[in-house]
């Protein structure tokens, strides 16, 4: 049985009216400068790859020309792929997006492997009997990256792995002990992931016979108008104690309020700084959810507020919080949250880039404690950008809550 709390009832939030706001010229100029610097850096790194993989090995013509042309085309394909997400969907857009996103992943892997080869070559020059030949290093880079790309593509496009975790929860009543919470996150339905992928995820989740389903944000990469049909299978999720959804940062790039309304239309319970209390066999559990941390930057009414989400929640009842980003736990540290379910990190998605996730999030994946709150960080069910996963596989989490 599901019981609504007063604080979780939907209510209209008036939008402020006033004079039209203009973006400061200085902010626009800083944005242009930053974009120019990023484009320049990426161009320089493509040139570096050309020198190391084409010029230094001494490739003869026409192979050298083809190599430089391929790098130039790859450089152009990245912004073309990003711009293609704003066009009317067509086969040309699909070609642009798939090509650019695959090259983005290949570029990252080639850059990592080439830098590694240069470091190894430098060390070898100091201790080895003879310097490594540029051609041998280039062959080694290609020999590593090509099979890595194939493996990463297969992993990203394969069915998600079910990760089973048992979590003891203090105060959980006998009626709810053993309940299954199935979490999906970071699905990123968009140009390379469509309704067929969404349907497969729904079937996997339902096959686990969950008591509760949690969808913890970054559902889409596109507008409601464009992706309404692609996410429609989400309506097929089934759980006797409810299917709950919270926004991720990517929803706000494409209309956070519109996506909340669309997901609610599909029959999911949208928890925008709100909670529900579920009950079975006389035992109760508070299921709360917050908007993403990025929401407040784009709309003050969408600020992440765990305190508001849990206002009025019954005392002495265990609390489950859905929050897209793990670091949201810092805002919930004094609110008696027993378990937070998050995503956002993708587990790093592509080796070795998971090493940089720690610069923005306190954890990369799995169960951990953040600011005194236990947090389960999901690796993501889909992927963002390159259709590649090298290392962390896509995930559907099955968390069994038991009495502590």
Protein backbone atom coordinates (compact mmCIF):
# COMPACT_ATOMS: atom_id res chain seq x y z
CA UNK A 1 0.00 0.00 0.00
CA UNK A 2 1.26 3.49 -0.84
CA UNK A 3 0.54 6.47 1.37
CA UNK A 4 1.12 10.04 0.23
CA UNK A 5 2.52 12.52 2.69
CA UNK A 6 1.38 16.13 2.71
CA UNK A 7 4.82 17.37 1.69
CA UNK A 8 4.86 15.14 -1.38
CA UNK A 9 1.60 16.27 -2.94
CA UNK A 10 2.18 18.06 -6.24
CA UNK A 11 1.60 21.76 -6.14
CA UNK A 12 1.99 24.56 -8.59
CA UNK A 13 4.98 26.76 -8.14
CA UNK A 14 4.52 30.31 -9.44
CA UNK A 15 7.24 31.47 -11.73
CA UNK A 16 8.67 34.91 -11.11
CA UNK A 17 7.71 37.66 -13.50
CA UNK A 18 9.82 40.64 -14.26
CA UNK A 19 11.88 42.37 -16.89
CA UNK A 20 13.64 40.23 -19.44
CA UNK A 21 17.09 39.23 -18.28
CA UNK A 22 20.06 39.71 -20.60
CA UNK A 23 23.25 37.68 -20.45
CA UNK A 24 26.18 39.99 -19.59
CA UNK A 25 28.52 40.67 -22.48
CA UNK A 26 31.48 39.72 -20.31
CA UNK A 27 29.98 36.28 -19.67
CA UNK A 28 29.44 35.76 -23.39
CA UNK A 29 33.03 36.75 -24.15
CA UNK A 30 34.37 34.41 -21.46
CA UNK A 31 32.29 31.61 -22.97
CA UNK A 32 33.65 32.31 -26.44
CA UNK A 33 37.21 32.41 -25.07
CA UNK A 34 36.75 29.13 -23.23
CA UNK A 35 35.25 27.47 -26.31
CA UNK A 36 38.11 28.76 -28.48
CA UNK A 37 40.68 27.41 -26.04
CA UNK A 38 38.97 23.99 -25.93
CA UNK A 39 38.79 23.76 -29.72
CA UNK A 40 42.45 24.79 -29.94
CA UNK A 41 43.46 22.17 -27.39
CA UNK A 42 41.58 19.39 -29.17
CA UNK A 43 43.09 20.46 -32.51
CA UNK A 44 46.58 20.44 -30.98
CA UNK A 45 46.03 16.93 -29.59
CA UNK A 46 44.88 15.70 -33.02
CA UNK A 47 48.05 17.18 -34.47
CA UNK A 48 50.09 15.38 -31.80
CA UNK A 49 48.46 12.08 -32.80
CA UNK A 50 49.26 12.80 -36.44
CA UNK A 51 52.91 13.42 -35.68
CA UNK A 52 53.27 10.29 -33.55
CA UNK A 53 51.17 7.89 -35.62
CA UNK A 54 51.69 9.19 -39.18
CA UNK A 55 54.75 11.43 -39.59
CA UNK A 56 57.26 9.94 -37.12
CA UNK A 57 56.75 6.35 -38.37
CA UNK A 58 57.47 7.64 -41.89
CA UNK A 59 54.35 6.33 -43.59
CA UNK A 60 54.70 6.58 -47.38
CA UNK A 61 52.15 8.23 -49.64
CA UNK A 62 49.26 7.82 -50.10
CA UNK A 63 48.98 6.37 -46.55
CA UNK A 64 50.39 9.46 -44.87
CA UNK A 65 47.88 11.69 -46.63
CA UNK A 66 45.05 9.33 -45.76
CA UNK A 67 46.17 9.28 -42.13
CA UNK A 68 46.20 13.06 -41.81
CA UNK A 69 42.89 13.32 -43.66
CA UNK A 70 41.30 10.79 -41.29
CA UNK A 71 42.49 12.79 -38.27
CA UNK A 72 41.14 16.01 -39.77
CA UNK A 73 37.79 14.38 -40.51
CA UNK A 74 37.70 12.97 -36.98
CA UNK A 75 38.36 16.40 -35.49
CA UNK A 76 35.47 17.93 -37.44
CA UNK A 77 33.14 15.01 -36.69
CA UNK A 78 33.04 15.68 -32.92
CA UNK A 79 31.34 19.12 -33.05
CA UNK A 80 29.25 17.91 -36.00
CA UNK A 81 27.94 15.02 -33.88
CA UNK A 82 27.10 17.34 -31.00
CA UNK A 83 25.33 19.78 -33.32
CA UNK A 84 23.42 16.91 -34.92
CA UNK A 85 21.43 16.34 -31.73
CA UNK A 86 19.61 19.60 -32.46
CA UNK A 87 18.58 18.67 -36.00
CA UNK A 88 15.42 16.91 -37.08
CA UNK A 89 16.17 13.17 -36.77
CA UNK A 90 17.17 11.63 -40.09
CA UNK A 91 19.55 9.02 -41.42
CA UNK A 92 22.11 11.77 -42.05
CA UNK A 93 21.91 12.84 -38.42
CA UNK A 94 22.38 9.25 -37.31
CA UNK A 95 25.48 8.91 -39.49
CA UNK A 96 26.88 12.19 -38.12
CA UNK A 97 26.19 11.27 -34.53
CA UNK A 98 27.39 7.67 -34.65
CA UNK A 99 30.55 8.65 -36.54
CA UNK A 100 31.40 11.57 -34.28
CA UNK A 101 30.70 9.73 -31.04
CA UNK A 102 32.70 6.68 -32.10
CA UNK A 103 35.59 8.94 -33.04
CA UNK A 104 35.34 10.78 -29.71
CA UNK A 105 35.87 7.46 -27.93
CA UNK A 106 38.61 6.38 -30.33
CA UNK A 107 40.36 9.73 -29.92
CA UNK A 108 40.41 9.35 -26.13
CA UNK A 109 41.80 5.84 -26.34
CA UNK A 110 44.37 6.73 -29.01
CA UNK A 111 45.54 9.73 -27.00
CA UNK A 112 45.91 7.66 -23.82
CA UNK A 113 47.78 4.88 -25.61
CA UNK A 114 50.05 7.30 -27.51
CA UNK A 115 51.02 9.24 -24.39
CA UNK A 116 51.69 5.92 -22.63
CA UNK A 117 53.86 4.79 -25.54
CA UNK A 118 55.84 8.04 -25.40
CA UNK A 119 56.42 7.67 -21.65
CA UNK A 120 57.51 4.05 -22.10
CA UNK A 121 59.77 5.10 -24.97
CA UNK A 122 61.36 7.81 -22.84
CA UNK A 123 62.03 5.39 -19.98
CA UNK A 124 63.31 2.76 -22.39
CA UNK A 125 65.74 5.30 -23.87
CA UNK A 126 67.24 5.72 -20.41
CA UNK A 127 67.56 2.03 -19.48
CA UNK A 128 67.19 0.02 -22.69
CA UNK A 129 69.91 -1.21 -25.06
CA UNK A 130 68.44 0.66 -28.04
CA UNK A 131 65.67 3.26 -28.49
CA UNK A 132 62.23 2.08 -29.54
CA UNK A 133 61.42 2.79 -33.15
CA UNK A 134 58.57 5.23 -33.87
CA UNK A 135 56.96 2.68 -36.18
CA UNK A 136 56.98 0.01 -33.47
CA UNK A 137 55.34 2.41 -31.00
CA UNK A 138 52.67 3.37 -33.55
CA UNK A 139 51.91 -0.27 -34.30
CA UNK A 140 51.65 -1.01 -30.59
CA UNK A 141 49.19 1.86 -30.11
CA UNK A 142 46.95 0.71 -32.97
CA UNK A 143 47.29 -2.91 -31.85
CA UNK A 144 45.97 -2.00 -28.41
CA UNK A 145 43.27 0.51 -29.37
CA UNK A 146 41.49 -1.46 -32.12
CA UNK A 147 40.63 -4.52 -29.97
CA UNK A 148 39.87 -2.21 -27.03
CA UNK A 149 37.34 -0.34 -29.19
CA UNK A 150 35.67 -3.57 -30.27
CA UNK A 151 35.45 -4.81 -26.68
CA UNK A 152 34.17 -1.44 -25.44
CA UNK A 153 31.46 -1.31 -28.12
CA UNK A 154 30.29 -4.83 -27.37
CA UNK A 155 30.18 -4.13 -23.63
CA UNK A 156 28.20 -0.90 -24.05
CA UNK A 157 25.61 -2.47 -26.33
CA UNK A 158 25.17 -5.72 -24.37
CA UNK A 159 22.36 -6.29 -21.83
CA UNK A 160 23.08 -4.71 -18.46
CA UNK A 161 24.56 -6.88 -15.73
CA UNK A 162 22.45 -7.41 -12.63
CA UNK A 163 24.41 -6.41 -9.51
CA UNK A 164 22.92 -7.94 -6.36
CA UNK A 165 23.65 -6.19 -3.07
CA UNK A 166 22.17 -6.83 0.39
CA UNK A 167 21.87 -3.74 2.58
CA UNK A 168 21.02 -3.95 6.30
CA UNK A 169 18.68 -1.12 7.34
CA UNK A 170 18.24 -0.25 11.00
CA UNK A 171 14.61 -0.19 12.10
CA UNK A 172 13.24 -1.88 8.97
CA UNK A 173 10.15 -3.82 10.03
CA UNK A 174 9.69 -7.53 9.40
CA UNK A 175 6.99 -6.85 6.80
CA UNK A 176 9.50 -5.10 4.54
CA UNK A 177 12.64 -7.08 5.39
CA UNK A 178 13.85 -8.74 2.22
CA UNK A 179 12.19 -6.20 -0.07
CA UNK A 180 13.88 -5.74 -3.45
CA UNK A 181 14.66 -2.27 -4.74
CA UNK A 182 15.73 -2.41 -8.38
CA UNK A 183 17.61 0.67 -9.55
CA UNK A 184 18.25 1.84 -13.09
CA UNK A 185 20.12 5.04 -13.83
CA UNK A 186 21.83 7.05 -16.58
CA UNK A 187 19.99 5.38 -19.43
CA UNK A 188 20.57 8.31 -21.80
CA UNK A 189 17.94 7.51 -24.42
CA UNK A 190 18.93 9.59 -27.44
CA UNK A 191 20.54 9.39 -30.87
CA UNK A 192 22.19 5.97 -30.34
CA UNK A 193 19.86 4.43 -27.73
CA UNK A 194 16.21 4.09 -28.75
CA UNK A 195 12.93 2.51 -27.63
CA UNK A 196 14.24 -1.00 -28.36
CA UNK A 197 16.99 -0.47 -25.80
CA UNK A 198 14.44 1.01 -23.37
CA UNK A 199 12.13 -1.97 -23.85
CA UNK A 200 14.97 -4.40 -23.15
CA UNK A 201 15.77 -2.59 -19.89
CA UNK A 202 12.11 -2.65 -18.81
CA UNK A 203 11.90 -6.39 -19.47
CA UNK A 204 15.09 -7.03 -17.50
CA UNK A 205 13.79 -5.01 -14.54
CA UNK A 206 10.36 -6.65 -14.50
CA UNK A 207 11.94 -10.10 -14.67
CA UNK A 208 13.56 -9.39 -11.29
CA UNK A 209 10.08 -8.95 -9.73
CA UNK A 210 11.02 -5.84 -7.73
CA UNK A 211 9.03 -4.43 -4.83
CA UNK A 212 10.23 -0.91 -5.68
CA UNK A 213 11.81 0.46 -8.85
CA UNK A 214 14.05 3.55 -8.63
CA UNK A 215 14.99 5.52 -11.76
CA UNK A 216 17.74 7.88 -10.63
CA UNK A 217 18.08 10.40 -13.42
CA UNK A 218 19.76 11.08 -16.76
CA UNK A 219 16.99 9.24 -18.53
CA UNK A 220 17.43 11.12 -21.81
CA UNK A 221 19.60 13.19 -24.10
CA UNK A 222 17.02 15.18 -26.00
CA UNK A 223 13.71 16.99 -25.76
CA UNK A 224 10.31 15.52 -24.92
CA UNK A 225 9.08 16.35 -28.42
CA UNK A 226 11.86 14.35 -29.96
CA UNK A 227 12.11 11.40 -27.57
CA UNK A 228 8.56 10.88 -26.29
CA UNK A 229 8.07 7.71 -28.33
CA UNK A 230 11.53 6.39 -27.48
CA UNK A 231 10.97 6.45 -23.70
CA UNK A 232 7.35 5.21 -23.91
CA UNK A 233 8.28 1.62 -22.86
CA UNK A 234 9.12 3.07 -19.42
CA UNK A 235 5.38 2.92 -18.72
CA UNK A 236 5.72 -0.87 -18.60
CA UNK A 237 7.73 -0.92 -15.37
CA UNK A 238 5.90 -2.80 -12.62
CA UNK A 239 6.45 -2.84 -8.84
CA UNK A 240 3.77 -3.29 -6.13
CA UNK A 241 5.22 -0.58 -3.87
CA UNK A 242 5.83 1.94 -6.63
CA UNK A 243 8.06 3.07 -9.49
CA UNK A 244 9.88 6.29 -8.59
CA UNK A 245 11.85 8.79 -10.66
CA UNK A 246 14.16 11.71 -9.94
CA UNK A 247 15.78 14.08 -12.40
CA UNK A 248 19.42 14.01 -13.43
CA UNK A 249 21.49 16.87 -14.79
CA UNK A 250 20.84 15.89 -18.41
CA UNK A 251 17.09 16.34 -18.08
CA UNK A 252 17.73 20.01 -17.33
CA UNK A 253 19.69 20.43 -20.56
CA UNK A 254 16.52 19.50 -22.46
CA UNK A 255 13.68 20.82 -20.28
CA UNK A 256 13.63 19.40 -16.75
CA UNK A 257 10.04 20.40 -15.96
CA UNK A 258 8.80 18.99 -19.28
CA UNK A 259 10.52 15.68 -18.63
CA UNK A 260 9.11 15.45 -15.11
CA UNK A 261 5.64 15.96 -16.55
CA UNK A 262 6.21 13.38 -19.29
CA UNK A 263 7.51 10.75 -16.88
CA UNK A 264 4.52 11.38 -14.61
CA UNK A 265 2.24 10.94 -17.65
CA UNK A 266 3.81 7.52 -18.19
CA UNK A 267 2.68 6.53 -14.72
CA UNK A 268 5.86 6.87 -12.67
CA UNK A 269 5.89 8.74 -9.35
CA UNK A 270 8.09 11.80 -9.80
CA UNK A 271 9.82 12.84 -6.57
CA UNK A 272 10.88 16.46 -7.02
CA UNK A 273 11.95 17.22 -3.44
CA UNK A 274 9.10 15.05 -2.15
CA UNK A 275 8.48 11.72 -0.47
CA UNK A 276 6.09 8.83 -0.20
CA UNK A 277 5.61 6.34 2.62
CA UNK A 278 5.19 2.71 1.57
CA UNK A 279 3.81 0.00 3.83
CA UNK A 280 3.62 -3.77 3.87
CA UNK A 281 2.82 -6.13 6.69
CA UNK A 282 2.66 -3.29 9.17
CA UNK A 283 6.21 -2.11 8.32
CA UNK A 284 6.85 1.28 6.72
CA UNK A 285 9.61 2.87 4.63
CA UNK A 286 9.95 6.49 3.50
CA UNK A 287 10.98 6.81 -0.14
CA UNK A 288 12.18 10.36 -0.85
CA UNK A 289 13.67 11.97 -3.93
CA UNK A 290 15.38 15.22 -4.82
CA UNK A 291 15.97 17.21 -7.99
CA UNK A 292 19.50 17.13 -9.38
CA UNK A 293 22.16 19.46 -8.00
CA UNK A 294 22.35 21.18 -11.40
CA UNK A 295 18.64 21.94 -11.45
CA UNK A 296 18.86 24.97 -9.20
CA UNK A 297 21.40 26.64 -11.49
CA UNK A 298 18.90 26.68 -14.34
CA UNK A 299 15.73 27.22 -12.32
CA UNK A 300 15.78 28.28 -8.63
CA UNK A 301 12.54 26.38 -8.04
CA UNK A 302 14.39 23.17 -9.00
CA UNK A 303 17.11 23.45 -6.33
CA UNK A 304 18.12 20.17 -4.69
CA UNK A 305 16.46 20.20 -1.24
CA UNK A 306 16.64 16.96 0.80
CA UNK A 307 15.27 18.88 3.78
CA UNK A 308 12.13 19.74 1.83
CA UNK A 309 11.88 16.22 0.46
CA UNK A 310 11.85 14.76 3.97
CA UNK A 311 9.78 17.46 5.67
CA UNK A 312 6.89 15.77 7.42
CA UNK A 313 8.29 12.27 6.99
CA UNK A 314 7.31 10.05 9.95
CA UNK A 315 9.85 9.76 12.75
CA UNK A 316 11.28 6.35 13.46
CA UNK A 317 10.61 5.11 9.90
CA UNK A 318 13.70 4.18 7.80
CA UNK A 319 14.49 6.58 4.97
CA UNK A 320 15.53 5.80 1.40
CA UNK A 321 16.67 8.82 -0.64
CA UNK A 322 16.94 8.95 -4.43
CA UNK A 323 19.47 11.56 -5.60
CA UNK A 324 21.17 11.53 -8.99
CA UNK A 325 24.63 12.62 -7.84
CA UNK A 326 26.42 10.87 -4.94
CA UNK A 327 27.68 14.17 -3.52
CA UNK A 328 24.08 15.16 -2.76
CA UNK A 329 24.60 13.10 0.42
CA UNK A 330 26.42 16.09 1.89
CA UNK A 331 23.08 17.95 1.92
CA UNK A 332 21.36 15.01 3.62
CA UNK A 333 23.91 14.34 6.36
CA UNK A 334 21.67 15.43 9.25
CA UNK A 335 18.36 14.11 7.93
CA UNK A 336 18.49 10.51 9.11
CA UNK A 337 18.83 8.97 5.65
CA UNK A 338 19.53 5.24 5.91
CA UNK A 339 20.42 4.68 2.26
CA UNK A 340 20.86 6.95 -0.77
CA UNK A 341 20.66 5.63 -4.32
CA UNK A 342 22.65 7.60 -6.90
CA UNK A 343 24.21 7.32 -10.34
CA UNK A 344 25.82 10.00 -12.53
CA UNK A 345 29.39 8.61 -12.60
CA UNK A 346 28.82 5.76 -15.11
CA UNK A 347 31.56 4.02 -13.13
CA UNK A 348 33.93 6.06 -15.29
CA UNK A 349 32.61 4.43 -18.52
CA UNK A 350 35.95 4.45 -20.37
CA UNK A 351 39.30 3.46 -18.91
CA UNK A 352 41.31 5.38 -17.77
CA UNK A 353 38.88 8.30 -17.44
CA UNK A 354 37.29 6.90 -14.27
CA UNK A 355 40.42 8.20 -12.56
CA UNK A 356 39.12 11.73 -13.13
CA UNK A 357 35.65 11.09 -11.70
CA UNK A 358 37.06 11.45 -8.20
CA UNK A 359 37.76 15.10 -8.98
CA UNK A 360 33.99 15.72 -9.08
CA UNK A 361 32.38 12.95 -7.04
CA UNK A 362 33.42 11.29 -3.76
CA UNK A 363 32.86 7.76 -5.12
CA UNK A 364 32.87 6.09 -8.53
CA UNK A 365 30.66 3.06 -7.97
CA UNK A 366 29.27 0.66 -5.38
CA UNK A 367 28.30 0.99 -1.73
CA UNK A 368 30.16 3.61 0.32
CA UNK A 369 29.64 6.11 3.13
CA UNK A 370 29.58 9.82 2.27
CA UNK A 371 29.17 12.45 5.01
CA UNK A 372 27.81 9.73 7.28
CA UNK A 373 25.22 8.59 4.72
CA UNK A 374 25.39 5.17 3.07
CA UNK A 375 25.28 5.66 -0.69
CA UNK A 376 24.98 3.13 -3.48
CA UNK A 377 26.44 4.60 -6.69
CA UNK A 378 25.16 2.95 -9.85
CA UNK A 379 27.42 2.46 -12.91
CA UNK A 380 24.61 3.43 -15.29
CA UNK A 381 22.35 1.30 -17.47
CA UNK A 382 23.18 3.05 -20.74
CA UNK A 383 26.04 5.35 -21.69
CA UNK A 384 26.69 8.96 -22.62
CA UNK A 385 28.44 10.11 -25.78
CA UNK A 386 30.65 7.39 -27.27
CA UNK A 387 28.76 4.06 -27.54
CA UNK A 388 31.66 2.50 -25.64
CA UNK A 389 32.30 1.07 -22.17
CA UNK A 390 35.84 -0.05 -21.42
CA UNK A 391 36.00 -1.44 -17.89
CA UNK A 392 32.69 -0.68 -16.12
CA UNK A 393 29.83 -2.64 -17.67
CA UNK A 394 26.24 -1.33 -17.78
CA UNK A 395 24.28 -2.17 -14.66
CA UNK A 396 20.87 -2.90 -13.20
CA UNK A 397 21.15 -2.92 -9.41
CA UNK A 398 19.03 -5.24 -7.27
CA UNK A 399 19.32 -4.07 -3.67
CA UNK A 400 17.74 -6.29 -1.02
CA UNK A 401 16.92 -4.39 2.15
CA UNK A 402 17.01 -6.47 5.35
CA UNK A 403 16.48 -5.65 9.00
CA UNK A 404 19.70 -4.70 10.73
